[in-house]
């Protein structure tokens, strides 16, 4: 299904139907800048909360209209980046520690780990993005844990239970809605953490 969806997306863009063009425009608006690279890295791996839970997570007084100007309003309903990352982790774990998958996983984790340092100044400048700071910090922490896990698995040296407990606390925090957003790469990183804390 997803392969077919990606093909349809490509064809729609080829036909000039820029149905998702507002994504980039809203990120520009949130940053107040032309440079949206760091914010986009975060936005690409989060999803808004589902099942009409928005008002439960972020209660609003009853008004006729609420501005849709938060990161939760800009992000896509489903993170393609997170889905592809989950597939890579599955390939890496179900095969023979697939080296190509590992390289791609590692590259993504390094990018997410380092992104928080670049994104924090952007978040500080925009009152619309202030609520998203913990998400960026947790993405960096998750990515750092994922890199440790990869090294552990590669060396066949299980990490201690105390490390596992500490990292899973970050995972638990990340899979709960904050600012009406969910960090969608947390579950596949959890798989790496679990694998690193057990015998390989």
N, C-alpha and C. Protein backbone atom coordinates (compact mmCIF):
# COMPACT_ATOMS: atom_id res chain seq x y z
N UNK A 1 0.81 -1.19 0.00
CA UNK A 1 0.00 0.00 0.00
C UNK A 1 0.86 1.27 0.00
N UNK A 2 1.90 1.28 0.88
CA UNK A 2 2.74 2.46 0.96
C UNK A 2 3.55 2.68 -0.31
N UNK A 3 3.97 1.58 -0.94
CA UNK A 3 4.69 1.72 -2.20
C UNK A 3 3.80 2.38 -3.25
N UNK A 4 2.54 1.95 -3.28
CA UNK A 4 1.58 2.52 -4.23
C UNK A 4 1.31 3.99 -3.90
N UNK A 5 1.22 4.30 -2.61
CA UNK A 5 0.96 5.67 -2.19
C UNK A 5 2.10 6.60 -2.60
N UNK A 6 3.35 6.14 -2.44
CA UNK A 6 4.49 6.96 -2.84
C UNK A 6 4.48 7.22 -4.35
N UNK A 7 4.09 6.21 -5.12
CA UNK A 7 4.00 6.38 -6.58
C UNK A 7 2.92 7.40 -6.93
N UNK A 8 1.78 7.32 -6.26
CA UNK A 8 0.69 8.27 -6.52
C UNK A 8 1.11 9.68 -6.13
N UNK A 9 1.81 9.81 -5.00
CA UNK A 9 2.31 11.12 -4.58
C UNK A 9 3.20 11.74 -5.64
N UNK A 10 4.11 10.90 -6.17
CA UNK A 10 5.03 11.38 -7.21
C UNK A 10 4.25 11.84 -8.43
N UNK A 11 3.26 11.07 -8.84
CA UNK A 11 2.47 11.42 -10.03
C UNK A 11 1.66 12.69 -9.81
N UNK A 12 1.13 12.86 -8.62
CA UNK A 12 0.37 14.08 -8.32
C UNK A 12 1.25 15.31 -8.42
N UNK A 13 2.47 15.20 -7.87
CA UNK A 13 3.40 16.34 -7.97
C UNK A 13 3.80 16.59 -9.42
N UNK A 14 4.02 15.53 -10.18
CA UNK A 14 4.38 15.66 -11.59
C UNK A 14 3.29 16.38 -12.36
N UNK A 15 2.03 16.16 -11.97
CA UNK A 15 0.90 16.83 -12.62
C UNK A 15 0.71 18.27 -12.14
N UNK A 16 1.52 18.68 -11.17
CA UNK A 16 1.43 20.05 -10.68
C UNK A 16 0.46 20.24 -9.53
N UNK A 17 0.00 19.14 -8.93
CA UNK A 17 -0.93 19.24 -7.81
C UNK A 17 -0.13 19.27 -6.50
N UNK A 18 0.18 20.47 -6.07
CA UNK A 18 1.01 20.62 -4.87
C UNK A 18 0.15 20.58 -3.62
N UNK A 19 -0.44 19.42 -3.39
CA UNK A 19 -1.39 19.25 -2.30
C UNK A 19 -0.75 19.38 -0.93
N UNK A 20 0.57 19.16 -0.84
CA UNK A 20 1.23 19.24 0.47
C UNK A 20 2.17 20.43 0.57
N UNK A 21 1.99 21.42 -0.29
CA UNK A 21 2.90 22.57 -0.30
C UNK A 21 2.80 23.41 0.97
N UNK A 22 1.67 23.35 1.66
CA UNK A 22 1.52 24.15 2.88
C UNK A 22 2.44 23.68 4.00
N UNK A 23 2.90 22.44 3.92
CA UNK A 23 3.80 21.92 4.95
C UNK A 23 5.03 22.80 5.09
N UNK A 24 5.70 23.05 4.00
CA UNK A 24 6.91 23.88 4.02
C UNK A 24 6.57 25.31 4.38
N UNK A 25 5.49 25.84 3.84
CA UNK A 25 5.10 27.22 4.13
C UNK A 25 4.81 27.42 5.61
N UNK A 26 4.15 26.46 6.23
CA UNK A 26 3.86 26.59 7.66
C UNK A 26 5.12 26.49 8.51
N UNK A 27 6.07 25.69 8.09
CA UNK A 27 7.33 25.63 8.82
C UNK A 27 8.08 26.95 8.72
N UNK A 28 8.03 27.58 7.56
CA UNK A 28 8.63 28.91 7.40
C UNK A 28 7.96 29.91 8.34
N UNK A 29 6.65 29.83 8.42
CA UNK A 29 5.92 30.76 9.26
C UNK A 29 6.28 30.56 10.74
N UNK A 30 6.39 29.30 11.15
CA UNK A 30 6.70 29.00 12.54
C UNK A 30 8.10 29.50 12.93
N UNK A 31 9.05 29.36 12.03
CA UNK A 31 10.42 29.80 12.34
C UNK A 31 10.61 31.29 12.12
N UNK A 32 9.76 31.89 11.26
CA UNK A 32 9.96 33.29 10.90
C UNK A 32 11.24 33.48 10.14
N UNK A 33 11.64 32.44 9.41
CA UNK A 33 12.94 32.44 8.73
C UNK A 33 12.86 31.60 7.46
N UNK A 34 13.84 31.81 6.58
CA UNK A 34 13.94 30.97 5.39
C UNK A 34 14.61 29.64 5.71
N UNK A 35 15.32 29.59 6.82
CA UNK A 35 16.04 28.38 7.19
C UNK A 35 15.16 27.50 8.07
N UNK A 36 14.59 26.46 7.48
CA UNK A 36 13.70 25.56 8.23
C UNK A 36 14.31 24.16 8.38
N UNK A 37 15.58 24.01 8.02
CA UNK A 37 16.20 22.67 7.99
C UNK A 37 16.08 21.95 9.32
N UNK A 38 16.45 22.62 10.42
CA UNK A 38 16.44 21.96 11.73
C UNK A 38 15.02 21.63 12.17
N UNK A 39 14.09 22.56 11.95
CA UNK A 39 12.71 22.31 12.34
C UNK A 39 12.12 21.18 11.51
N UNK A 40 12.47 21.12 10.25
CA UNK A 40 11.91 20.08 9.39
C UNK A 40 12.38 18.68 9.82
N UNK A 41 13.60 18.59 10.31
CA UNK A 41 14.09 17.29 10.79
C UNK A 41 13.21 16.79 11.93
N UNK A 42 12.84 17.69 12.84
CA UNK A 42 11.93 17.30 13.92
C UNK A 42 10.52 17.03 13.39
N UNK A 43 10.02 17.93 12.56
CA UNK A 43 8.65 17.80 12.05
C UNK A 43 8.45 16.52 11.24
N UNK A 44 9.51 16.06 10.59
CA UNK A 44 9.40 14.87 9.75
C UNK A 44 9.24 13.57 10.55
N UNK A 45 9.56 13.61 11.86
CA UNK A 45 9.50 12.37 12.64
C UNK A 45 8.42 12.40 13.71
N UNK A 46 7.57 13.42 13.68
CA UNK A 46 6.46 13.49 14.64
C UNK A 46 5.14 13.43 13.88
N UNK A 47 4.10 13.06 14.62
CA UNK A 47 2.74 13.05 14.07
C UNK A 47 1.80 13.69 15.08
N UNK A 48 0.74 14.33 14.60
CA UNK A 48 -0.25 14.86 15.54
C UNK A 48 -1.04 13.74 16.19
N UNK A 49 -1.59 14.01 17.36
CA UNK A 49 -2.39 13.01 18.06
C UNK A 49 -3.60 12.64 17.23
N UNK A 50 -4.12 11.44 17.49
CA UNK A 50 -5.20 10.88 16.67
C UNK A 50 -6.49 10.75 17.48
N UNK A 51 -7.54 10.31 16.77
CA UNK A 51 -8.82 9.93 17.37
C UNK A 51 -9.46 11.05 18.18
N UNK A 52 -9.45 12.24 17.63
CA UNK A 52 -10.15 13.37 18.25
C UNK A 52 -9.67 13.66 19.67
N UNK A 53 -8.41 13.36 19.94
CA UNK A 53 -7.88 13.56 21.29
C UNK A 53 -7.21 14.92 21.46
N UNK A 54 -7.26 15.75 20.45
CA UNK A 54 -6.55 17.02 20.50
C UNK A 54 -6.99 17.89 21.67
N UNK A 55 -8.28 18.04 21.87
CA UNK A 55 -8.76 18.92 22.93
C UNK A 55 -8.52 18.31 24.31
N UNK A 56 -8.39 16.98 24.39
CA UNK A 56 -8.09 16.36 25.67
C UNK A 56 -6.64 16.62 26.07
N UNK A 57 -5.76 16.61 25.07
CA UNK A 57 -4.34 16.82 25.34
C UNK A 57 -4.02 18.29 25.50
N UNK A 58 -4.69 19.13 24.73
CA UNK A 58 -4.42 20.56 24.73
C UNK A 58 -5.75 21.30 24.83
N UNK A 59 -6.34 21.34 26.05
CA UNK A 59 -7.68 21.93 26.18
C UNK A 59 -7.70 23.40 25.79
N UNK A 60 -8.77 23.80 25.12
CA UNK A 60 -8.94 25.17 24.67
C UNK A 60 -10.29 25.69 25.15
N UNK A 61 -10.38 26.96 25.47
CA UNK A 61 -11.69 27.50 25.81
C UNK A 61 -12.59 27.47 24.57
N UNK A 62 -13.89 27.30 24.76
CA UNK A 62 -14.78 27.26 23.60
C UNK A 62 -14.81 28.58 22.86
N UNK A 63 -14.37 28.57 21.64
CA UNK A 63 -14.39 29.76 20.78
C UNK A 63 -14.86 29.35 19.40
N UNK A 64 -15.22 30.33 18.60
CA UNK A 64 -15.70 30.01 17.25
C UNK A 64 -14.59 29.47 16.37
N UNK A 65 -13.39 29.96 16.58
CA UNK A 65 -12.28 29.47 15.75
C UNK A 65 -10.99 29.52 16.56
N UNK A 66 -10.16 28.51 16.37
CA UNK A 66 -8.87 28.45 17.03
C UNK A 66 -7.79 28.50 15.97
N UNK A 67 -6.80 29.39 16.12
CA UNK A 67 -5.74 29.47 15.11
C UNK A 67 -5.02 28.13 14.98
N UNK A 68 -4.79 27.71 13.76
CA UNK A 68 -4.05 26.49 13.50
C UNK A 68 -2.63 26.87 13.12
N UNK A 69 -1.87 27.30 14.13
CA UNK A 69 -0.54 27.84 13.86
C UNK A 69 0.53 27.22 14.74
N UNK A 70 0.30 25.98 15.16
CA UNK A 70 1.28 25.26 15.97
C UNK A 70 1.96 24.19 15.12
N UNK A 71 3.03 23.62 15.66
CA UNK A 71 3.72 22.56 14.91
C UNK A 71 2.80 21.38 14.66
N UNK A 72 1.91 21.12 15.62
CA UNK A 72 0.95 20.03 15.45
C UNK A 72 0.03 20.25 14.26
N UNK A 73 -0.17 21.50 13.89
CA UNK A 73 -1.01 21.82 12.73
C UNK A 73 -0.24 21.70 11.42
N UNK A 74 1.09 21.86 11.51
CA UNK A 74 1.91 21.83 10.29
C UNK A 74 2.32 20.42 9.90
N UNK A 75 2.48 19.54 10.89
CA UNK A 75 3.01 18.21 10.59
C UNK A 75 2.02 17.37 9.80
N UNK A 76 2.56 16.40 9.09
CA UNK A 76 1.72 15.51 8.29
C UNK A 76 1.02 14.49 9.18
N UNK A 77 -0.13 13.98 8.73
CA UNK A 77 -0.87 13.00 9.55
C UNK A 77 -0.07 11.74 9.84
N UNK A 78 0.83 11.37 8.91
CA UNK A 78 1.65 10.18 9.10
C UNK A 78 3.07 10.48 8.69
N UNK A 79 4.02 10.08 9.52
CA UNK A 79 5.42 10.34 9.25
C UNK A 79 6.01 9.25 8.35
N UNK A 80 6.30 9.62 7.12
CA UNK A 80 6.92 8.66 6.20
C UNK A 80 8.35 8.35 6.64
N UNK A 81 9.03 9.35 7.19
CA UNK A 81 10.41 9.15 7.66
C UNK A 81 10.44 8.11 8.78
N UNK A 82 9.50 8.23 9.73
CA UNK A 82 9.44 7.28 10.84
C UNK A 82 9.10 5.88 10.35
N UNK A 83 8.19 5.78 9.40
CA UNK A 83 7.81 4.46 8.87
C UNK A 83 9.00 3.80 8.18
N UNK A 84 9.73 4.56 7.37
CA UNK A 84 10.89 4.01 6.67
C UNK A 84 11.98 3.61 7.65
N UNK A 85 12.15 4.40 8.72
CA UNK A 85 13.14 4.07 9.74
C UNK A 85 12.76 2.77 10.45
N UNK A 86 11.48 2.61 10.75
CA UNK A 86 11.00 1.38 11.40
C UNK A 86 11.26 0.17 10.51
N UNK A 87 11.09 0.33 9.21
CA UNK A 87 11.35 -0.76 8.28
C UNK A 87 12.83 -1.13 8.26
N UNK A 88 13.70 -0.11 8.34
CA UNK A 88 15.14 -0.36 8.38
C UNK A 88 15.53 -1.14 9.64
N UNK A 89 14.96 -0.74 10.77
CA UNK A 89 15.26 -1.44 12.03
C UNK A 89 14.78 -2.89 11.94
N UNK A 90 13.61 -3.09 11.34
CA UNK A 90 13.09 -4.44 11.18
C UNK A 90 14.02 -5.28 10.30
N UNK A 91 14.49 -4.69 9.21
CA UNK A 91 15.42 -5.37 8.32
C UNK A 91 16.71 -5.72 9.04
N UNK A 92 17.22 -4.77 9.81
CA UNK A 92 18.48 -4.98 10.53
C UNK A 92 18.35 -6.09 11.56
N UNK A 93 17.23 -6.13 12.28
CA UNK A 93 17.07 -7.09 13.34
C UNK A 93 16.64 -8.48 12.86
N UNK A 94 15.88 -8.51 11.77
CA UNK A 94 15.38 -9.80 11.32
C UNK A 94 16.37 -10.53 10.42
N UNK A 95 17.32 -9.80 9.86
CA UNK A 95 18.32 -10.42 8.99
C UNK A 95 19.57 -10.77 9.75
N UNK A 96 20.69 -10.58 9.12
CA UNK A 96 21.97 -10.88 9.74
C UNK A 96 22.72 -9.59 10.00
N UNK A 97 22.08 -8.72 10.79
CA UNK A 97 22.67 -7.41 11.08
C UNK A 97 23.07 -6.74 9.76
N UNK A 98 22.09 -6.59 8.90
CA UNK A 98 22.28 -6.05 7.55
C UNK A 98 23.11 -4.76 7.61
N UNK A 99 24.27 -4.76 6.97
CA UNK A 99 25.19 -3.63 7.07
C UNK A 99 24.66 -2.38 6.37
N UNK A 100 23.94 -2.56 5.26
CA UNK A 100 23.37 -1.40 4.56
C UNK A 100 22.30 -0.75 5.42
N UNK A 101 21.44 -1.56 6.02
CA UNK A 101 20.40 -1.03 6.91
C UNK A 101 21.04 -0.35 8.11
N UNK A 102 22.08 -0.95 8.66
CA UNK A 102 22.76 -0.36 9.82
C UNK A 102 23.33 1.02 9.49
N UNK A 103 23.93 1.14 8.31
CA UNK A 103 24.51 2.42 7.91
C UNK A 103 23.43 3.50 7.80
N UNK A 104 22.29 3.14 7.24
CA UNK A 104 21.20 4.11 7.12
C UNK A 104 20.60 4.46 8.48
N UNK A 105 20.47 3.47 9.34
CA UNK A 105 19.97 3.71 10.70
C UNK A 105 20.91 4.65 11.44
N UNK A 106 22.20 4.35 11.35
CA UNK A 106 23.20 5.17 12.05
C UNK A 106 23.19 6.61 11.54
N UNK A 107 23.08 6.79 10.23
CA UNK A 107 23.06 8.15 9.66
C UNK A 107 21.86 8.94 10.18
N UNK A 108 20.70 8.28 10.25
CA UNK A 108 19.51 8.96 10.76
C UNK A 108 19.68 9.32 12.23
N UNK A 109 20.19 8.39 13.01
CA UNK A 109 20.36 8.63 14.45
C UNK A 109 21.35 9.76 14.71
N UNK A 110 22.42 9.82 13.96
CA UNK A 110 23.39 10.91 14.12
C UNK A 110 22.73 12.25 13.79
N UNK A 111 21.96 12.27 12.73
CA UNK A 111 21.26 13.51 12.32
C UNK A 111 20.30 13.97 13.42
N UNK A 112 19.52 13.04 13.97
CA UNK A 112 18.55 13.40 15.02
C UNK A 112 19.25 13.79 16.31
N UNK A 113 20.34 13.11 16.64
CA UNK A 113 21.08 13.43 17.87
C UNK A 113 21.63 14.85 17.82
N UNK A 114 22.18 15.22 16.68
CA UNK A 114 22.85 16.51 16.54
C UNK A 114 21.88 17.65 16.25
N UNK A 115 20.64 17.33 15.89
CA UNK A 115 19.72 18.37 15.46
C UNK A 115 19.29 19.30 16.59
N UNK A 116 19.20 18.78 17.80
CA UNK A 116 18.70 19.61 18.90
C UNK A 116 19.54 20.86 19.10
N UNK A 117 20.85 20.73 18.98
CA UNK A 117 21.73 21.90 19.16
C UNK A 117 21.44 22.97 18.12
N UNK A 118 21.10 22.55 16.90
CA UNK A 118 20.77 23.51 15.84
C UNK A 118 19.37 24.08 15.99
N UNK A 119 18.47 23.27 16.55
CA UNK A 119 17.07 23.68 16.62
C UNK A 119 16.75 24.56 17.82
N UNK A 120 17.45 24.40 18.94
CA UNK A 120 17.11 25.15 20.15
C UNK A 120 17.09 26.67 19.93
N UNK A 121 18.06 27.27 19.22
CA UNK A 121 17.98 28.71 18.98
C UNK A 121 16.73 29.11 18.19
N UNK A 122 16.30 28.24 17.27
CA UNK A 122 15.08 28.50 16.50
C UNK A 122 13.86 28.46 17.42
N UNK A 123 13.82 27.47 18.30
CA UNK A 123 12.71 27.34 19.24
C UNK A 123 12.67 28.52 20.21
N UNK A 124 13.84 29.02 20.59
CA UNK A 124 13.90 30.16 21.51
C UNK A 124 13.36 31.44 20.88
N UNK A 125 13.48 31.55 19.57
CA UNK A 125 13.05 32.77 18.89
C UNK A 125 11.56 32.82 18.61
N UNK A 126 10.88 31.68 18.65
CA UNK A 126 9.48 31.62 18.24
C UNK A 126 8.59 31.17 19.40
N UNK A 127 7.67 32.04 19.82
CA UNK A 127 6.76 31.66 20.90
C UNK A 127 5.84 30.53 20.46
N UNK A 128 5.63 30.37 19.16
CA UNK A 128 4.78 29.29 18.65
C UNK A 128 5.44 27.93 18.80
N UNK A 129 6.76 27.93 18.93
CA UNK A 129 7.50 26.67 18.99
C UNK A 129 8.02 26.34 20.39
N UNK A 130 7.78 27.22 21.36
CA UNK A 130 8.34 27.01 22.70
C UNK A 130 7.89 25.68 23.29
N UNK A 131 6.64 25.28 23.02
CA UNK A 131 6.11 24.04 23.60
C UNK A 131 6.77 22.79 23.02
N UNK A 132 7.52 22.94 21.93
CA UNK A 132 8.12 21.78 21.26
C UNK A 132 9.55 21.49 21.70
N UNK A 133 10.09 22.29 22.61
CA UNK A 133 11.46 22.07 23.07
C UNK A 133 11.67 20.67 23.65
N UNK A 134 10.78 20.18 24.53
CA UNK A 134 11.01 18.83 25.07
C UNK A 134 11.02 17.74 24.01
N UNK A 135 10.25 17.94 22.95
CA UNK A 135 10.23 16.94 21.87
C UNK A 135 11.59 16.86 21.19
N UNK A 136 12.19 18.01 20.94
CA UNK A 136 13.50 18.05 20.30
C UNK A 136 14.56 17.43 21.21
N UNK A 137 14.48 17.74 22.49
CA UNK A 137 15.45 17.19 23.45
C UNK A 137 15.32 15.68 23.55
N UNK A 138 14.09 15.20 23.56
CA UNK A 138 13.88 13.75 23.65
C UNK A 138 14.30 13.04 22.38
N UNK A 139 14.09 13.66 21.23
CA UNK A 139 14.55 13.05 19.97
C UNK A 139 16.06 12.88 20.00
N UNK A 140 16.77 13.89 20.49
CA UNK A 140 18.23 13.80 20.59
C UNK A 140 18.64 12.69 21.56
N UNK A 141 17.94 12.60 22.70
CA UNK A 141 18.26 11.56 23.69
C UNK A 141 17.96 10.17 23.15
N UNK A 142 16.84 10.02 22.46
CA UNK A 142 16.51 8.74 21.84
C UNK A 142 17.56 8.32 20.82
N UNK A 143 17.97 9.28 20.00
CA UNK A 143 18.95 8.99 18.96
C UNK A 143 20.29 8.58 19.57
N UNK A 144 20.69 9.27 20.64
CA UNK A 144 21.95 8.91 21.31
C UNK A 144 21.86 7.50 21.88
N UNK A 145 20.70 7.16 22.45
CA UNK A 145 20.51 5.80 22.96
C UNK A 145 20.54 4.78 21.84
N UNK A 146 19.92 5.13 20.70
CA UNK A 146 19.93 4.24 19.55
C UNK A 146 21.34 3.97 19.04
N UNK A 147 22.19 5.00 19.05
CA UNK A 147 23.58 4.83 18.62
C UNK A 147 24.35 3.93 19.59
N UNK A 148 24.12 4.13 20.88
CA UNK A 148 24.76 3.25 21.87
C UNK A 148 24.31 1.80 21.67
N UNK A 149 23.02 1.65 21.40
CA UNK A 149 22.48 0.31 21.19
C UNK A 149 23.11 -0.35 19.95
N UNK A 150 23.23 0.40 18.87
CA UNK A 150 23.86 -0.15 17.65
C UNK A 150 25.28 -0.61 17.93
N UNK A 151 26.04 0.22 18.65
CA UNK A 151 27.42 -0.15 18.98
C UNK A 151 27.44 -1.43 19.83
N UNK A 152 26.52 -1.50 20.78
CA UNK A 152 26.45 -2.67 21.66
C UNK A 152 26.14 -3.94 20.87
N UNK A 153 25.15 -3.83 19.99
CA UNK A 153 24.76 -4.99 19.18
C UNK A 153 25.90 -5.41 18.27
N UNK A 154 26.56 -4.42 17.66
CA UNK A 154 27.65 -4.72 16.74
C UNK A 154 28.82 -5.41 17.42
N UNK A 155 29.10 -5.02 18.68
CA UNK A 155 30.21 -5.62 19.43
C UNK A 155 29.79 -6.85 20.22
N UNK A 156 28.47 -7.14 20.19
CA UNK A 156 27.92 -8.26 20.96
C UNK A 156 28.24 -8.13 22.45
N UNK A 157 28.08 -6.89 22.94
CA UNK A 157 28.32 -6.59 24.35
C UNK A 157 27.06 -5.96 24.94
N UNK A 158 26.20 -6.77 25.56
CA UNK A 158 24.95 -6.26 26.11
C UNK A 158 25.18 -5.13 27.11
N UNK A 159 24.32 -4.13 27.07
CA UNK A 159 24.39 -3.02 28.00
C UNK A 159 23.62 -3.36 29.28
N UNK A 160 23.98 -2.74 30.40
CA UNK A 160 23.36 -3.13 31.68
C UNK A 160 21.88 -2.77 31.78
N UNK A 161 21.20 -3.45 32.69
CA UNK A 161 19.76 -3.21 32.89
C UNK A 161 19.48 -1.78 33.32
N UNK A 162 20.40 -1.18 34.08
CA UNK A 162 20.19 0.21 34.53
C UNK A 162 20.14 1.14 33.33
N UNK A 163 20.99 0.91 32.33
CA UNK A 163 20.97 1.72 31.11
C UNK A 163 19.65 1.53 30.38
N UNK A 164 19.22 0.30 30.26
CA UNK A 164 17.95 0.00 29.60
C UNK A 164 16.79 0.72 30.28
N UNK A 165 16.73 0.66 31.59
CA UNK A 165 15.66 1.32 32.34
C UNK A 165 15.65 2.82 32.10
N UNK A 166 16.84 3.42 32.10
CA UNK A 166 16.97 4.86 31.89
C UNK A 166 16.50 5.26 30.49
N UNK A 167 16.88 4.49 29.50
CA UNK A 167 16.52 4.83 28.12
C UNK A 167 15.04 4.58 27.85
N UNK A 168 14.49 3.52 28.44
CA UNK A 168 13.07 3.23 28.24
C UNK A 168 12.18 4.29 28.87
N UNK A 169 12.70 4.98 29.89
CA UNK A 169 11.94 6.09 30.47
C UNK A 169 11.78 7.22 29.45
N UNK A 170 12.82 7.45 28.65
CA UNK A 170 12.74 8.46 27.59
C UNK A 170 11.76 8.00 26.51
N UNK A 171 11.80 6.71 26.18
CA UNK A 171 10.86 6.16 25.19
C UNK A 171 9.44 6.34 25.68
N UNK A 172 9.18 5.98 26.94
CA UNK A 172 7.82 6.09 27.49
C UNK A 172 7.32 7.53 27.42
N UNK A 173 8.20 8.46 27.72
CA UNK A 173 7.82 9.88 27.66
C UNK A 173 7.52 10.30 26.22
N UNK A 174 8.27 9.76 25.28
CA UNK A 174 8.16 10.18 23.88
C UNK A 174 6.93 9.64 23.18
N UNK A 175 6.41 8.50 23.66
CA UNK A 175 5.23 7.93 23.00
C UNK A 175 3.93 8.50 23.56
N UNK A 176 4.05 9.38 24.56
CA UNK A 176 2.87 10.05 25.10
C UNK A 176 2.73 11.42 24.45
N UNK A 177 1.48 11.86 24.20
CA UNK A 177 1.27 13.14 23.53
C UNK A 177 1.80 14.32 24.34
N UNK A 178 2.56 15.15 23.66
CA UNK A 178 2.99 16.44 24.21
C UNK A 178 2.90 17.45 23.10
N UNK A 179 2.32 18.60 23.41
CA UNK A 179 2.08 19.63 22.39
C UNK A 179 1.29 19.04 21.22
N UNK A 180 0.43 18.06 21.55
CA UNK A 180 -0.39 17.36 20.55
C UNK A 180 0.44 16.62 19.52
N UNK A 181 1.64 16.20 19.90
CA UNK A 181 2.52 15.49 18.97
C UNK A 181 3.07 14.22 19.61
N UNK A 182 3.39 13.26 18.75
CA UNK A 182 4.00 11.99 19.15
C UNK A 182 5.30 11.81 18.38
N UNK A 183 6.36 11.39 19.07
CA UNK A 183 7.64 11.12 18.41
C UNK A 183 7.58 9.70 17.85
N UNK A 184 7.42 9.57 16.56
CA UNK A 184 7.11 8.29 15.94
C UNK A 184 8.32 7.37 15.75
N UNK A 185 9.53 7.89 15.97
CA UNK A 185 10.70 7.01 15.86
C UNK A 185 11.03 6.36 17.20
N UNK A 186 10.27 6.69 18.25
CA UNK A 186 10.53 6.10 19.57
C UNK A 186 10.35 4.57 19.57
N UNK A 187 9.25 4.03 19.02
CA UNK A 187 9.09 2.56 19.06
C UNK A 187 10.21 1.77 18.37
N UNK A 188 10.65 2.15 17.15
CA UNK A 188 11.76 1.38 16.57
C UNK A 188 13.07 1.54 17.34
N UNK A 189 13.30 2.72 17.93
CA UNK A 189 14.51 2.89 18.74
C UNK A 189 14.40 2.03 19.99
N UNK A 190 13.19 1.88 20.52
CA UNK A 190 12.98 0.99 21.67
C UNK A 190 13.41 -0.43 21.33
N UNK A 191 13.13 -0.88 20.13
CA UNK A 191 13.55 -2.23 19.72
C UNK A 191 15.07 -2.37 19.77
N UNK A 192 15.77 -1.33 19.35
CA UNK A 192 17.24 -1.38 19.40
C UNK A 192 17.71 -1.41 20.86
N UNK A 193 17.08 -0.61 21.72
CA UNK A 193 17.44 -0.57 23.13
C UNK A 193 17.23 -1.94 23.77
N UNK A 194 16.08 -2.54 23.47
CA UNK A 194 15.77 -3.86 24.04
C UNK A 194 16.81 -4.90 23.57
N UNK A 195 17.16 -4.82 22.30
CA UNK A 195 18.12 -5.78 21.75
C UNK A 195 19.50 -5.59 22.38
N UNK A 196 19.86 -4.33 22.64
CA UNK A 196 21.19 -4.05 23.21
C UNK A 196 21.30 -4.47 24.67
N UNK A 197 20.17 -4.57 25.34
CA UNK A 197 20.18 -4.92 26.76
C UNK A 197 20.00 -6.41 27.00
N UNK A 198 19.87 -7.18 25.91
CA UNK A 198 19.74 -8.62 26.04
C UNK A 198 20.94 -9.28 25.36
N UNK A 199 21.04 -10.58 25.50
CA UNK A 199 22.16 -11.27 24.83
C UNK A 199 21.91 -11.28 23.34
N UNK A 200 22.95 -11.02 22.55
CA UNK A 200 22.82 -10.93 21.10
C UNK A 200 23.06 -12.27 20.45
